[in-house]
Amino acid sequence: MISWFQALMPREEKFFDHFERHADVLVAGADALRKVLEGGDNIAANCELVFQHESKADEITHEVMLAVRRTFITPFDRSDIQDLVASMDDAIDQMQQTAKAILLYEVTTFEPQMKAMGDLIVRAAAITVQIIHALRHMRREANNLTKLTGEVVLIEDQADHLHDDGLKRLFLAHRQSDPMAFIVGTEIYSHLEKVVDRFEDVANRVNGIVIEHL
């Protein structure tokens, strides 16, 4: 009877595999967005890559949401699983919004601070991969997770400084000659800052999961 009942029980989904696949897509999306910020003739093609990666991320998120509903046993609380994958998806969604704004406003050149923020986004994505891999063994990796999530918080702080410095320089350069350039530049800076903010959200979600299960 017991073996028959166990055979009917839903198998635990490989949630960590899903998370890791999603994190890999975040890296690919961040790399594509950084290439967008190089400007030149490949902006549209690189924006299209961002859109493709966002679509892949959506598919993985959908798989996780379905798995949560049909799985009897999950590695941690269902709401935590949903919140984590949603925060990861928000990060690449914001990359997509950044690329859309760049195409909409036909931006072809980017300020040094924008490129530097792009570098931080790439770093945040790479660290997020490490965080997600460590989450699979959260008890053993608790100290490492604290260190890695702290690095993302520091990156977000650096991005804030770049954002503020970039806006100031943009204002000084265009306040009299080209107000529209200032408005458009402000929009791009805002999107880039939000991308980094979303990575910080992922780090905070992971911190919350670790605290709850230690």
N, C-alpha and C. Protein backbone atom coordinates (compact mmCIF):
# COMPACT_ATOMS: atom_id res chain seq x y z
N MET A 1 0.83 -1.20 0.00
CA MET A 1 0.00 0.00 0.00
C MET A 1 0.87 1.26 0.00
N ILE A 2 1.91 1.27 0.85
CA ILE A 2 2.77 2.44 0.93
C ILE A 2 3.47 2.69 -0.40
N SER A 3 4.01 1.63 -1.01
CA SER A 3 4.71 1.80 -2.27
C SER A 3 3.75 2.28 -3.36
N TRP A 4 2.51 1.79 -3.32
CA TRP A 4 1.50 2.22 -4.30
C TRP A 4 1.19 3.71 -4.13
N PHE A 5 1.07 4.15 -2.85
CA PHE A 5 0.79 5.55 -2.57
C PHE A 5 1.95 6.44 -3.01
N GLN A 6 3.18 5.99 -2.74
CA GLN A 6 4.34 6.78 -3.13
C GLN A 6 4.45 6.91 -4.64
N ALA A 7 4.02 5.86 -5.35
CA ALA A 7 4.08 5.91 -6.82
C ALA A 7 3.12 6.96 -7.37
N LEU A 8 2.05 7.22 -6.65
CA LEU A 8 1.07 8.21 -7.08
C LEU A 8 1.44 9.63 -6.69
N MET A 9 2.36 9.75 -5.74
CA MET A 9 2.74 11.08 -5.26
C MET A 9 3.48 11.83 -6.36
N PRO A 10 3.18 13.12 -6.54
CA PRO A 10 3.93 13.91 -7.52
C PRO A 10 5.40 13.98 -7.14
N ARG A 11 6.25 13.85 -8.13
CA ARG A 11 7.67 13.93 -7.86
C ARG A 11 8.07 15.40 -7.67
N GLU A 12 9.05 15.60 -6.82
CA GLU A 12 9.54 16.96 -6.60
C GLU A 12 10.20 17.48 -7.87
N GLU A 13 9.78 18.63 -8.31
CA GLU A 13 10.37 19.23 -9.50
C GLU A 13 11.79 19.70 -9.20
N LYS A 14 12.57 19.81 -10.23
CA LYS A 14 13.95 20.27 -10.07
C LYS A 14 13.96 21.80 -10.06
N PHE A 15 13.45 22.36 -8.97
CA PHE A 15 13.33 23.81 -8.90
C PHE A 15 14.67 24.51 -9.01
N PHE A 16 15.69 23.93 -8.40
CA PHE A 16 17.01 24.57 -8.46
C PHE A 16 17.54 24.58 -9.89
N ASP A 17 17.23 23.53 -10.64
CA ASP A 17 17.63 23.52 -12.05
C ASP A 17 16.95 24.66 -12.81
N HIS A 18 15.68 24.87 -12.52
CA HIS A 18 14.95 25.97 -13.15
C HIS A 18 15.58 27.32 -12.79
N PHE A 19 15.87 27.49 -11.51
CA PHE A 19 16.49 28.75 -11.06
C PHE A 19 17.83 28.99 -11.77
N GLU A 20 18.62 27.92 -11.87
CA GLU A 20 19.94 28.06 -12.48
C GLU A 20 19.83 28.36 -13.97
N ARG A 21 18.87 27.74 -14.63
CA ARG A 21 18.64 28.07 -16.05
C ARG A 21 18.25 29.53 -16.20
N HIS A 22 17.39 29.99 -15.32
CA HIS A 22 16.95 31.39 -15.39
C HIS A 22 18.12 32.33 -15.14
N ALA A 23 18.97 31.99 -14.18
CA ALA A 23 20.13 32.83 -13.88
C ALA A 23 21.06 32.90 -15.08
N ASP A 24 21.23 31.80 -15.79
CA ASP A 24 22.05 31.80 -16.99
C ASP A 24 21.47 32.73 -18.06
N VAL A 25 20.15 32.77 -18.16
CA VAL A 25 19.50 33.67 -19.10
C VAL A 25 19.73 35.12 -18.69
N LEU A 26 19.72 35.38 -17.38
CA LEU A 26 20.01 36.73 -16.90
C LEU A 26 21.40 37.19 -17.35
N VAL A 27 22.37 36.29 -17.28
CA VAL A 27 23.72 36.62 -17.72
C VAL A 27 23.73 36.94 -19.21
N ALA A 28 23.05 36.10 -19.99
CA ALA A 28 23.00 36.33 -21.44
C ALA A 28 22.31 37.66 -21.76
N GLY A 29 21.24 37.96 -21.03
CA GLY A 29 20.53 39.22 -21.24
C GLY A 29 21.40 40.41 -20.87
N ALA A 30 22.11 40.30 -19.76
CA ALA A 30 22.99 41.39 -19.32
C ALA A 30 24.11 41.63 -20.32
N ASP A 31 24.68 40.55 -20.86
CA ASP A 31 25.74 40.69 -21.86
C ASP A 31 25.21 41.37 -23.12
N ALA A 32 24.01 41.00 -23.54
CA ALA A 32 23.42 41.61 -24.73
C ALA A 32 23.13 43.09 -24.49
N LEU A 33 22.63 43.42 -23.30
CA LEU A 33 22.35 44.82 -22.99
C LEU A 33 23.65 45.63 -22.96
N ARG A 34 24.71 45.05 -22.43
CA ARG A 34 25.99 45.77 -22.41
C ARG A 34 26.47 46.05 -23.82
N LYS A 35 26.25 45.12 -24.73
CA LYS A 35 26.63 45.34 -26.12
C LYS A 35 25.80 46.45 -26.75
N VAL A 36 24.52 46.53 -26.35
CA VAL A 36 23.67 47.63 -26.82
C VAL A 36 24.31 48.96 -26.47
N LEU A 37 24.85 49.06 -25.26
CA LEU A 37 25.39 50.31 -24.75
C LEU A 37 26.71 50.71 -25.43
N GLU A 38 27.25 49.82 -26.26
CA GLU A 38 28.42 50.17 -27.05
C GLU A 38 28.02 51.04 -28.24
N GLY A 39 26.71 51.07 -28.54
CA GLY A 39 26.24 51.89 -29.65
C GLY A 39 26.60 51.29 -30.99
N GLY A 40 26.69 52.15 -32.02
CA GLY A 40 27.08 51.68 -33.34
C GLY A 40 25.93 51.08 -34.13
N ASP A 41 26.30 50.26 -35.13
CA ASP A 41 25.32 49.73 -36.07
C ASP A 41 24.58 48.49 -35.57
N ASN A 42 25.02 47.93 -34.45
CA ASN A 42 24.43 46.66 -33.98
C ASN A 42 23.42 46.84 -32.86
N ILE A 43 22.99 48.06 -32.62
CA ILE A 43 22.07 48.31 -31.50
C ILE A 43 20.78 47.50 -31.66
N ALA A 44 20.17 47.58 -32.82
CA ALA A 44 18.90 46.88 -33.03
C ALA A 44 19.06 45.37 -32.88
N ALA A 45 20.14 44.83 -33.43
CA ALA A 45 20.38 43.38 -33.35
C ALA A 45 20.60 42.96 -31.90
N ASN A 46 21.35 43.76 -31.14
CA ASN A 46 21.59 43.41 -29.74
C ASN A 46 20.34 43.59 -28.89
N CYS A 47 19.52 44.58 -29.22
CA CYS A 47 18.24 44.73 -28.53
C CYS A 47 17.35 43.50 -28.78
N GLU A 48 17.39 43.01 -29.99
CA GLU A 48 16.62 41.81 -30.32
C GLU A 48 17.09 40.62 -29.50
N LEU A 49 18.40 40.54 -29.25
CA LEU A 49 18.91 39.47 -28.39
C LEU A 49 18.35 39.60 -26.97
N VAL A 50 18.28 40.82 -26.46
CA VAL A 50 17.70 41.04 -25.13
C VAL A 50 16.26 40.54 -25.13
N PHE A 51 15.49 40.85 -26.17
CA PHE A 51 14.10 40.42 -26.25
C PHE A 51 14.00 38.89 -26.27
N GLN A 52 14.89 38.26 -27.00
CA GLN A 52 14.87 36.79 -27.08
C GLN A 52 15.16 36.16 -25.73
N HIS A 53 16.14 36.72 -25.02
CA HIS A 53 16.47 36.18 -23.70
C HIS A 53 15.32 36.41 -22.72
N GLU A 54 14.65 37.54 -22.84
CA GLU A 54 13.50 37.81 -21.97
C GLU A 54 12.40 36.79 -22.22
N SER A 55 12.20 36.42 -23.48
CA SER A 55 11.19 35.42 -23.82
C SER A 55 11.55 34.05 -23.22
N LYS A 56 12.83 33.68 -23.27
CA LYS A 56 13.27 32.42 -22.66
C LYS A 56 13.04 32.44 -21.16
N ALA A 57 13.32 33.59 -20.54
CA ALA A 57 13.12 33.71 -19.09
C ALA A 57 11.64 33.55 -18.74
N ASP A 58 10.78 34.10 -19.56
CA ASP A 58 9.33 33.96 -19.33
C ASP A 58 8.92 32.49 -19.36
N GLU A 59 9.48 31.74 -20.29
CA GLU A 59 9.16 30.32 -20.40
C GLU A 59 9.57 29.57 -19.13
N ILE A 60 10.76 29.88 -18.64
CA ILE A 60 11.23 29.21 -17.43
C ILE A 60 10.36 29.59 -16.23
N THR A 61 10.00 30.86 -16.14
CA THR A 61 9.14 31.32 -15.06
C THR A 61 7.80 30.59 -15.10
N HIS A 62 7.26 30.43 -16.29
CA HIS A 62 5.99 29.71 -16.45
C HIS A 62 6.14 28.27 -16.00
N GLU A 63 7.25 27.63 -16.33
CA GLU A 63 7.49 26.25 -15.90
C GLU A 63 7.52 26.15 -14.38
N VAL A 64 8.16 27.13 -13.74
CA VAL A 64 8.25 27.11 -12.28
C VAL A 64 6.87 27.28 -11.66
N MET A 65 6.08 28.19 -12.18
CA MET A 65 4.74 28.43 -11.64
C MET A 65 3.86 27.18 -11.78
N LEU A 66 3.98 26.49 -12.90
CA LEU A 66 3.23 25.24 -13.08
C LEU A 66 3.72 24.18 -12.11
N ALA A 67 5.03 24.10 -11.95
CA ALA A 67 5.61 23.09 -11.05
C ALA A 67 5.19 23.31 -9.61
N VAL A 68 5.10 24.56 -9.20
CA VAL A 68 4.67 24.86 -7.84
C VAL A 68 3.27 24.32 -7.58
N ARG A 69 2.41 24.41 -8.57
CA ARG A 69 1.02 23.99 -8.39
C ARG A 69 0.87 22.47 -8.38
N ARG A 70 1.73 21.77 -9.12
CA ARG A 70 1.52 20.32 -9.24
C ARG A 70 2.46 19.48 -8.39
N THR A 71 3.35 20.13 -7.63
CA THR A 71 4.33 19.39 -6.83
C THR A 71 3.88 19.34 -5.37
N PHE A 72 3.91 18.14 -4.81
CA PHE A 72 3.47 17.95 -3.43
C PHE A 72 4.53 18.45 -2.44
N ILE A 73 5.80 18.15 -2.73
CA ILE A 73 6.89 18.54 -1.85
C ILE A 73 7.80 19.51 -2.60
N THR A 74 8.08 20.65 -2.00
CA THR A 74 8.95 21.64 -2.62
C THR A 74 10.16 21.89 -1.70
N PRO A 75 11.28 22.35 -2.25
CA PRO A 75 12.49 22.52 -1.42
C PRO A 75 12.34 23.58 -0.34
N PHE A 76 11.51 24.57 -0.57
CA PHE A 76 11.15 25.54 0.46
C PHE A 76 9.78 26.09 0.13
N ASP A 77 9.31 27.03 0.93
CA ASP A 77 7.94 27.50 0.83
C ASP A 77 7.55 27.91 -0.59
N ARG A 78 6.34 27.55 -0.99
CA ARG A 78 5.87 27.83 -2.35
C ARG A 78 5.90 29.32 -2.67
N SER A 79 5.49 30.13 -1.72
CA SER A 79 5.47 31.57 -1.97
C SER A 79 6.89 32.10 -2.17
N ASP A 80 7.86 31.51 -1.46
CA ASP A 80 9.25 31.92 -1.64
C ASP A 80 9.76 31.55 -3.03
N ILE A 81 9.36 30.37 -3.50
CA ILE A 81 9.74 29.94 -4.85
C ILE A 81 9.17 30.90 -5.88
N GLN A 82 7.89 31.22 -5.72
CA GLN A 82 7.24 32.13 -6.67
C GLN A 82 7.86 33.53 -6.62
N ASP A 83 8.13 34.00 -5.43
CA ASP A 83 8.71 35.34 -5.29
C ASP A 83 10.12 35.41 -5.86
N LEU A 84 10.89 34.34 -5.66
CA LEU A 84 12.27 34.35 -6.15
C LEU A 84 12.29 34.37 -7.68
N VAL A 85 11.55 33.47 -8.30
CA VAL A 85 11.59 33.43 -9.77
C VAL A 85 10.96 34.69 -10.36
N ALA A 86 9.97 35.25 -9.66
CA ALA A 86 9.36 36.50 -10.14
C ALA A 86 10.36 37.65 -10.08
N SER A 87 11.17 37.70 -9.01
CA SER A 87 12.16 38.77 -8.90
C SER A 87 13.25 38.61 -9.95
N MET A 88 13.63 37.37 -10.26
CA MET A 88 14.59 37.14 -11.33
C MET A 88 14.00 37.57 -12.68
N ASP A 89 12.74 37.25 -12.87
CA ASP A 89 12.09 37.63 -14.13
C ASP A 89 11.96 39.14 -14.25
N ASP A 90 11.73 39.80 -13.12
CA ASP A 90 11.65 41.27 -13.13
C ASP A 90 12.95 41.90 -13.63
N ALA A 91 14.08 41.26 -13.30
CA ALA A 91 15.38 41.80 -13.71
C ALA A 91 15.52 41.81 -15.23
N ILE A 92 15.16 40.70 -15.86
CA ILE A 92 15.31 40.67 -17.32
C ILE A 92 14.17 41.43 -18.00
N ASP A 93 13.02 41.51 -17.35
CA ASP A 93 11.95 42.36 -17.88
C ASP A 93 12.42 43.81 -17.96
N GLN A 94 13.15 44.25 -16.95
CA GLN A 94 13.64 45.62 -16.93
C GLN A 94 14.73 45.83 -17.98
N MET A 95 15.53 44.79 -18.23
CA MET A 95 16.48 44.88 -19.34
C MET A 95 15.73 45.09 -20.66
N GLN A 96 14.64 44.35 -20.82
CA GLN A 96 13.83 44.50 -22.03
C GLN A 96 13.27 45.92 -22.13
N GLN A 97 12.78 46.46 -21.03
CA GLN A 97 12.25 47.82 -21.04
C GLN A 97 13.33 48.83 -21.41
N THR A 98 14.55 48.58 -20.95
CA THR A 98 15.67 49.46 -21.30
C THR A 98 15.93 49.43 -22.80
N ALA A 99 15.97 48.22 -23.35
CA ALA A 99 16.21 48.07 -24.79
C ALA A 99 15.08 48.71 -25.60
N LYS A 100 13.85 48.55 -25.15
CA LYS A 100 12.71 49.16 -25.84
C LYS A 100 12.83 50.68 -25.86
N ALA A 101 13.22 51.27 -24.73
CA ALA A 101 13.36 52.72 -24.65
C ALA A 101 14.46 53.21 -25.59
N ILE A 102 15.54 52.46 -25.67
CA ILE A 102 16.64 52.83 -26.56
C ILE A 102 16.19 52.83 -28.01
N LEU A 103 15.42 51.82 -28.40
CA LEU A 103 14.91 51.78 -29.77
C LEU A 103 13.87 52.86 -30.01
N LEU A 104 12.99 53.07 -29.03
CA LEU A 104 11.93 54.06 -29.18
C LEU A 104 12.49 55.45 -29.41
N TYR A 105 13.49 55.82 -28.62
CA TYR A 105 14.06 57.17 -28.71
C TYR A 105 15.24 57.25 -29.68
N GLU A 106 15.51 56.12 -30.36
CA GLU A 106 16.56 56.09 -31.38
C GLU A 106 17.90 56.57 -30.84
N VAL A 107 18.23 56.09 -29.64
CA VAL A 107 19.50 56.44 -29.02
C VAL A 107 20.61 55.62 -29.69
N THR A 108 21.67 56.27 -30.09
CA THR A 108 22.76 55.58 -30.79
C THR A 108 24.11 55.73 -30.09
N THR A 109 24.20 56.69 -29.18
CA THR A 109 25.44 56.86 -28.41
C THR A 109 25.09 56.92 -26.92
N PHE A 110 26.03 56.49 -26.10
CA PHE A 110 25.75 56.36 -24.68
C PHE A 110 26.87 56.97 -23.85
N GLU A 111 26.47 57.58 -22.75
CA GLU A 111 27.41 58.25 -21.86
C GLU A 111 28.31 57.23 -21.15
N PRO A 112 29.52 57.65 -20.75
CA PRO A 112 30.42 56.73 -20.03
C PRO A 112 29.78 56.13 -18.78
N GLN A 113 28.98 56.94 -18.07
CA GLN A 113 28.32 56.43 -16.86
C GLN A 113 27.28 55.36 -17.19
N MET A 114 26.64 55.49 -18.35
CA MET A 114 25.68 54.46 -18.78
C MET A 114 26.42 53.15 -19.04
N LYS A 115 27.56 53.24 -19.72
CA LYS A 115 28.34 52.04 -19.99
C LYS A 115 28.86 51.42 -18.69
N ALA A 116 29.25 52.27 -17.77
CA ALA A 116 29.72 51.77 -16.47
C ALA A 116 28.59 51.07 -15.72
N MET A 117 27.38 51.60 -15.82
CA MET A 117 26.23 50.93 -15.21
C MET A 117 25.97 49.60 -15.89
N GLY A 118 26.19 49.55 -17.21
CA GLY A 118 26.08 48.29 -17.92
C GLY A 118 27.08 47.26 -17.42
N ASP A 119 28.30 47.72 -17.13
CA ASP A 119 29.31 46.82 -16.55
C ASP A 119 28.84 46.27 -15.20
N LEU A 120 28.23 47.13 -14.40
CA LEU A 120 27.72 46.69 -13.09
C LEU A 120 26.59 45.68 -13.25
N ILE A 121 25.75 45.87 -14.26
CA ILE A 121 24.67 44.92 -14.52
C ILE A 121 25.25 43.55 -14.87
N VAL A 122 26.29 43.54 -15.69
CA VAL A 122 26.94 42.27 -16.04
C VAL A 122 27.52 41.61 -14.79
N ARG A 123 28.15 42.40 -13.92
CA ARG A 123 28.71 41.86 -12.67
C ARG A 123 27.61 41.32 -11.77
N ALA A 124 26.52 42.06 -11.66
CA ALA A 124 25.40 41.62 -10.80
C ALA A 124 24.82 40.31 -11.32
N ALA A 125 24.72 40.17 -12.63
CA ALA A 125 24.19 38.93 -13.20
C ALA A 125 25.12 37.76 -12.91
N ALA A 126 26.43 38.00 -13.04
CA ALA A 126 27.40 36.93 -12.78
C ALA A 126 27.34 36.49 -11.32
N ILE A 127 27.23 37.44 -10.42
CA ILE A 127 27.14 37.11 -8.99
C ILE A 127 25.82 36.40 -8.70
N THR A 128 24.77 36.78 -9.37
CA THR A 128 23.48 36.13 -9.18
C THR A 128 23.55 34.65 -9.53
N VAL A 129 24.29 34.32 -10.58
CA VAL A 129 24.49 32.90 -10.92
C VAL A 129 25.14 32.17 -9.75
N GLN A 130 26.16 32.77 -9.16
CA GLN A 130 26.82 32.15 -8.00
C GLN A 130 25.85 32.00 -6.84
N ILE A 131 25.03 33.02 -6.62
CA ILE A 131 24.05 32.97 -5.52
C ILE A 131 23.07 31.83 -5.73
N ILE A 132 22.55 31.70 -6.94
CA ILE A 132 21.54 30.67 -7.22
C ILE A 132 22.14 29.28 -7.11
N HIS A 133 23.37 29.11 -7.56
CA HIS A 133 24.02 27.80 -7.41
C HIS A 133 24.26 27.47 -5.94
N ALA A 134 24.64 28.49 -5.15
CA ALA A 134 24.88 28.26 -3.73
C ALA A 134 23.59 27.96 -2.98
N LEU A 135 22.47 28.49 -3.49
CA LEU A 135 21.19 28.30 -2.82
C LEU A 135 20.79 26.83 -2.77
N ARG A 136 21.25 26.06 -3.73
CA ARG A 136 20.95 24.62 -3.74
C ARG A 136 21.46 23.95 -2.46
N HIS A 137 22.53 24.49 -1.90
CA HIS A 137 23.11 23.94 -0.66
C HIS A 137 23.15 25.05 0.38
N MET A 138 22.01 25.63 0.66
CA MET A 138 21.96 26.87 1.44
C MET A 138 22.54 26.73 2.85
N ARG A 139 22.36 25.59 3.49
CA ARG A 139 22.90 25.45 4.84
C ARG A 139 24.43 25.46 4.82
N ARG A 140 24.98 24.71 3.90
CA ARG A 140 26.44 24.65 3.78
C ARG A 140 27.03 25.96 3.28
N GLU A 141 26.26 26.65 2.43
CA GLU A 141 26.74 27.85 1.76
C GLU A 141 26.22 29.14 2.39
N ALA A 142 25.71 29.06 3.60
CA ALA A 142 25.07 30.23 4.23
C ALA A 142 26.01 31.44 4.29
N ASN A 143 27.24 31.22 4.73
CA ASN A 143 28.19 32.34 4.83
C ASN A 143 28.53 32.90 3.46
N ASN A 144 28.71 32.01 2.52
CA ASN A 144 29.01 32.45 1.15
C ASN A 144 27.84 33.24 0.56
N LEU A 145 26.62 32.80 0.85
CA LEU A 145 25.44 33.50 0.36
C LEU A 145 25.36 34.90 0.95
N THR A 146 25.69 35.02 2.22
CA THR A 146 25.70 36.35 2.85
C THR A 146 26.71 37.26 2.17
N LYS A 147 27.88 36.72 1.86
CA LYS A 147 28.93 37.49 1.19
C LYS A 147 28.48 37.91 -0.22
N LEU A 148 27.94 36.96 -0.97
CA LEU A 148 27.56 37.24 -2.36
C LEU A 148 26.41 38.23 -2.45
N THR A 149 25.41 38.05 -1.61
CA THR A 149 24.29 38.99 -1.65
C THR A 149 24.73 40.38 -1.22
N GLY A 150 25.70 40.43 -0.30
CA GLY A 150 26.26 41.72 0.10
C GLY A 150 26.97 42.41 -1.05
N GLU A 151 27.60 41.64 -1.92
CA GLU A 151 28.28 42.21 -3.08
C GLU A 151 27.27 42.85 -4.04
N VAL A 152 26.12 42.23 -4.18
CA VAL A 152 25.08 42.80 -5.04
C VAL A 152 24.58 44.13 -4.46
N VAL A 153 24.43 44.17 -3.16
CA VAL A 153 24.00 45.42 -2.51
C VAL A 153 25.02 46.53 -2.77
N LEU A 154 26.30 46.19 -2.70
CA LEU A 154 27.35 47.18 -2.97
C LEU A 154 27.29 47.64 -4.43
N ILE A 155 27.01 46.72 -5.33
CA ILE A 155 26.89 47.07 -6.75
C ILE A 155 25.73 48.04 -6.95
N GLU A 156 24.64 47.80 -6.25
CA GLU A 156 23.49 48.70 -6.38
C GLU A 156 23.85 50.10 -5.89
N ASP A 157 24.63 50.17 -4.84
CA ASP A 157 25.07 51.47 -4.32
C ASP A 157 25.97 52.18 -5.33
N GLN A 158 26.86 51.45 -5.95
CA GLN A 158 27.72 52.02 -6.98
C GLN A 158 26.90 52.52 -8.17
N ALA A 159 25.88 51.76 -8.54
CA ALA A 159 25.02 52.16 -9.65
C ALA A 159 24.27 53.45 -9.32
N ASP A 160 23.86 53.60 -8.07
CA ASP A 160 23.18 54.83 -7.66
C ASP A 160 24.09 56.04 -7.86
N HIS A 161 25.36 55.89 -7.48
CA HIS A 161 26.31 57.00 -7.63
C HIS A 161 26.54 57.34 -9.10
N LEU A 162 26.67 56.30 -9.93
CA LEU A 162 26.85 56.52 -11.36
C LEU A 162 25.62 57.20 -11.96
N HIS A 163 24.45 56.76 -11.52
CA HIS A 163 23.19 57.35 -11.98
C HIS A 163 23.15 58.84 -11.66
N ASP A 164 23.46 59.19 -10.42
CA ASP A 164 23.40 60.60 -10.00
C ASP A 164 24.45 61.44 -10.72
N ASP A 165 25.66 60.89 -10.84
CA ASP A 165 26.73 61.61 -11.52
C ASP A 165 26.40 61.79 -12.99
N GLY A 166 25.85 60.75 -13.60
CA GLY A 166 25.47 60.84 -15.01
C GLY A 166 24.40 61.87 -15.26
N LEU A 167 23.39 61.91 -14.39
CA LEU A 167 22.33 62.90 -14.55
C LEU A 167 22.87 64.32 -14.43
N LYS A 168 23.76 64.53 -13.48
CA LYS A 168 24.33 65.87 -13.30
C LYS A 168 25.10 66.30 -14.54
N ARG A 169 25.92 65.40 -15.06
CA ARG A 169 26.70 65.72 -16.24
C ARG A 169 25.80 65.95 -17.46
N LEU A 170 24.75 65.16 -17.53
CA LEU A 170 23.79 65.30 -18.63
C LEU A 170 23.10 66.66 -18.57
N PHE A 171 22.72 67.05 -17.38
CA PHE A 171 22.06 68.34 -17.19
C PHE A 171 22.98 69.50 -17.58
N LEU A 172 24.21 69.43 -17.12
CA LEU A 172 25.15 70.50 -17.41
C LEU A 172 25.44 70.60 -18.91
N ALA A 173 25.45 69.46 -19.58
CA ALA A 173 25.77 69.44 -21.00
C ALA A 173 24.62 69.92 -21.88
N HIS A 174 23.37 69.69 -21.44
CA HIS A 174 22.23 69.92 -22.33
C HIS A 174 21.18 70.90 -21.80
N ARG A 175 21.40 71.50 -20.67
CA ARG A 175 20.35 72.32 -20.08
C ARG A 175 19.96 73.51 -20.95
N GLN A 176 20.86 73.99 -21.77
CA GLN A 176 20.54 75.14 -22.62
C GLN A 176 20.46 74.77 -24.09
N SER A 177 21.26 73.80 -24.50
CA SER A 177 21.35 73.50 -25.93
C SER A 177 20.35 72.46 -26.41
N ASP A 178 20.07 71.43 -25.59
CA ASP A 178 19.25 70.31 -26.08
C ASP A 178 18.49 69.65 -24.92
N PRO A 179 17.41 70.28 -24.47
CA PRO A 179 16.63 69.72 -23.36
C PRO A 179 16.11 68.31 -23.64
N MET A 180 15.76 68.01 -24.91
CA MET A 180 15.24 66.68 -25.23
C MET A 180 16.30 65.60 -25.00
N ALA A 181 17.55 65.93 -25.28
CA ALA A 181 18.62 64.96 -25.02
C ALA A 181 18.72 64.66 -23.53
N PHE A 182 18.48 65.67 -22.71
CA PHE A 182 18.49 65.46 -21.26
C PHE A 182 17.33 64.55 -20.84
N ILE A 183 16.16 64.80 -21.39
CA ILE A 183 14.98 64.00 -21.04
C ILE A 183 15.18 62.55 -21.43
N VAL A 184 15.65 62.32 -22.65
CA VAL A 184 15.87 60.96 -23.12
C VAL A 184 16.97 60.28 -22.30
N GLY A 185 18.06 61.00 -22.05
CA GLY A 185 19.14 60.43 -21.26
C GLY A 185 18.68 60.06 -19.86
N THR A 186 17.84 60.91 -19.28
CA THR A 186 17.29 60.62 -17.95
C THR A 186 16.49 59.32 -17.96
N GLU A 187 15.74 59.11 -19.04
CA GLU A 187 14.94 57.88 -19.17
C GLU A 187 15.84 56.65 -19.20
N ILE A 188 16.90 56.74 -19.97
CA ILE A 188 17.81 55.59 -20.08
C ILE A 188 18.50 55.31 -18.74
N TYR A 189 18.96 56.37 -18.09
CA TYR A 189 19.57 56.19 -16.76
C TYR A 189 18.60 55.54 -15.78
N SER A 190 17.35 55.97 -15.83
CA SER A 190 16.34 55.42 -14.92
C SER A 190 16.15 53.93 -15.14
N HIS A 191 16.08 53.53 -16.40
CA HIS A 191 15.91 52.10 -16.71
C HIS A 191 17.12 51.29 -16.25
N LEU A 192 18.31 51.79 -16.50
CA LEU A 192 19.51 51.07 -16.09
C LEU A 192 19.58 50.91 -14.57
N GLU A 193 19.21 51.97 -13.86
CA GLU A 193 19.19 51.89 -12.40
C GLU A 193 18.19 50.84 -11.91
N LYS A 194 17.05 50.77 -12.58
CA LYS A 194 16.03 49.80 -12.18
C LYS A 194 16.50 48.37 -12.42
N VAL A 195 17.30 48.15 -13.47
CA VAL A 195 17.83 46.80 -13.70
C VAL A 195 18.66 46.37 -12.49
N VAL A 196 19.55 47.25 -12.04
CA VAL A 196 20.40 46.91 -10.89
C VAL A 196 19.54 46.73 -9.63
N ASP A 197 18.52 47.56 -9.48
CA ASP A 197 17.61 47.43 -8.33
C ASP A 197 16.95 46.05 -8.31
N ARG A 198 16.58 45.55 -9.49
CA ARG A 198 15.93 44.25 -9.55
C ARG A 198 16.88 43.13 -9.14
N PHE A 199 18.17 43.28 -9.47
CA PHE A 199 19.14 42.29 -9.01
C PHE A 199 19.29 42.33 -7.49
N GLU A 200 19.21 43.52 -6.93
CA GLU A 200 19.24 43.62 -5.48
C GLU A 200 18.01 42.94 -4.88
N ASP A 201 16.86 43.05 -5.54
CA ASP A 201 15.65 42.37 -5.07
C ASP A 201 15.87 40.86 -5.02
N VAL A 202 16.54 40.31 -6.04
CA VAL A 202 16.83 38.87 -6.06
C VAL A 202 17.70 38.50 -4.85
N ALA A 203 18.73 39.30 -4.62
CA ALA A 203 19.62 39.04 -3.49
C ALA A 203 18.85 39.08 -2.17
N ASN A 204 17.96 40.05 -2.04
CA ASN A 204 17.17 40.16 -0.81
C ASN A 204 16.23 38.98 -0.64
N ARG A 205 15.65 38.50 -1.74
CA ARG A 205 14.78 37.33 -1.67
C ARG A 205 15.55 36.12 -1.18
N VAL A 206 16.73 35.94 -1.71
CA VAL A 206 17.56 34.80 -1.30
C VAL A 206 17.93 34.93 0.17
N ASN A 207 18.29 36.11 0.60
CA ASN A 207 18.60 36.33 2.01
C ASN A 207 17.43 35.93 2.90
N GLY A 208 16.24 36.32 2.49
CA GLY A 208 15.06 35.98 3.27
C GLY A 208 14.84 34.47 3.35
N ILE A 209 15.06 33.77 2.24
CA ILE A 209 14.91 32.31 2.22
C ILE A 209 15.91 31.66 3.16
N VAL A 210 17.17 32.11 3.09
CA VAL A 210 18.21 31.53 3.93
C VAL A 210 17.90 31.75 5.40
N ILE A 211 17.51 32.96 5.77
CA ILE A 211 17.19 33.27 7.16
C ILE A 211 16.04 32.39 7.66
N GLU A 212 15.06 32.19 6.81
CA GLU A 212 13.89 31.40 7.20
C GLU A 212 14.22 29.94 7.42
N HIS A 213 15.23 29.42 6.72
CA HIS A 213 15.50 27.98 6.76
C HIS A 213 16.75 27.62 7.54
N LEU A 214 17.39 28.56 8.19
CA LEU A 214 18.54 28.23 9.03
C LEU A 214 18.15 28.14 10.50
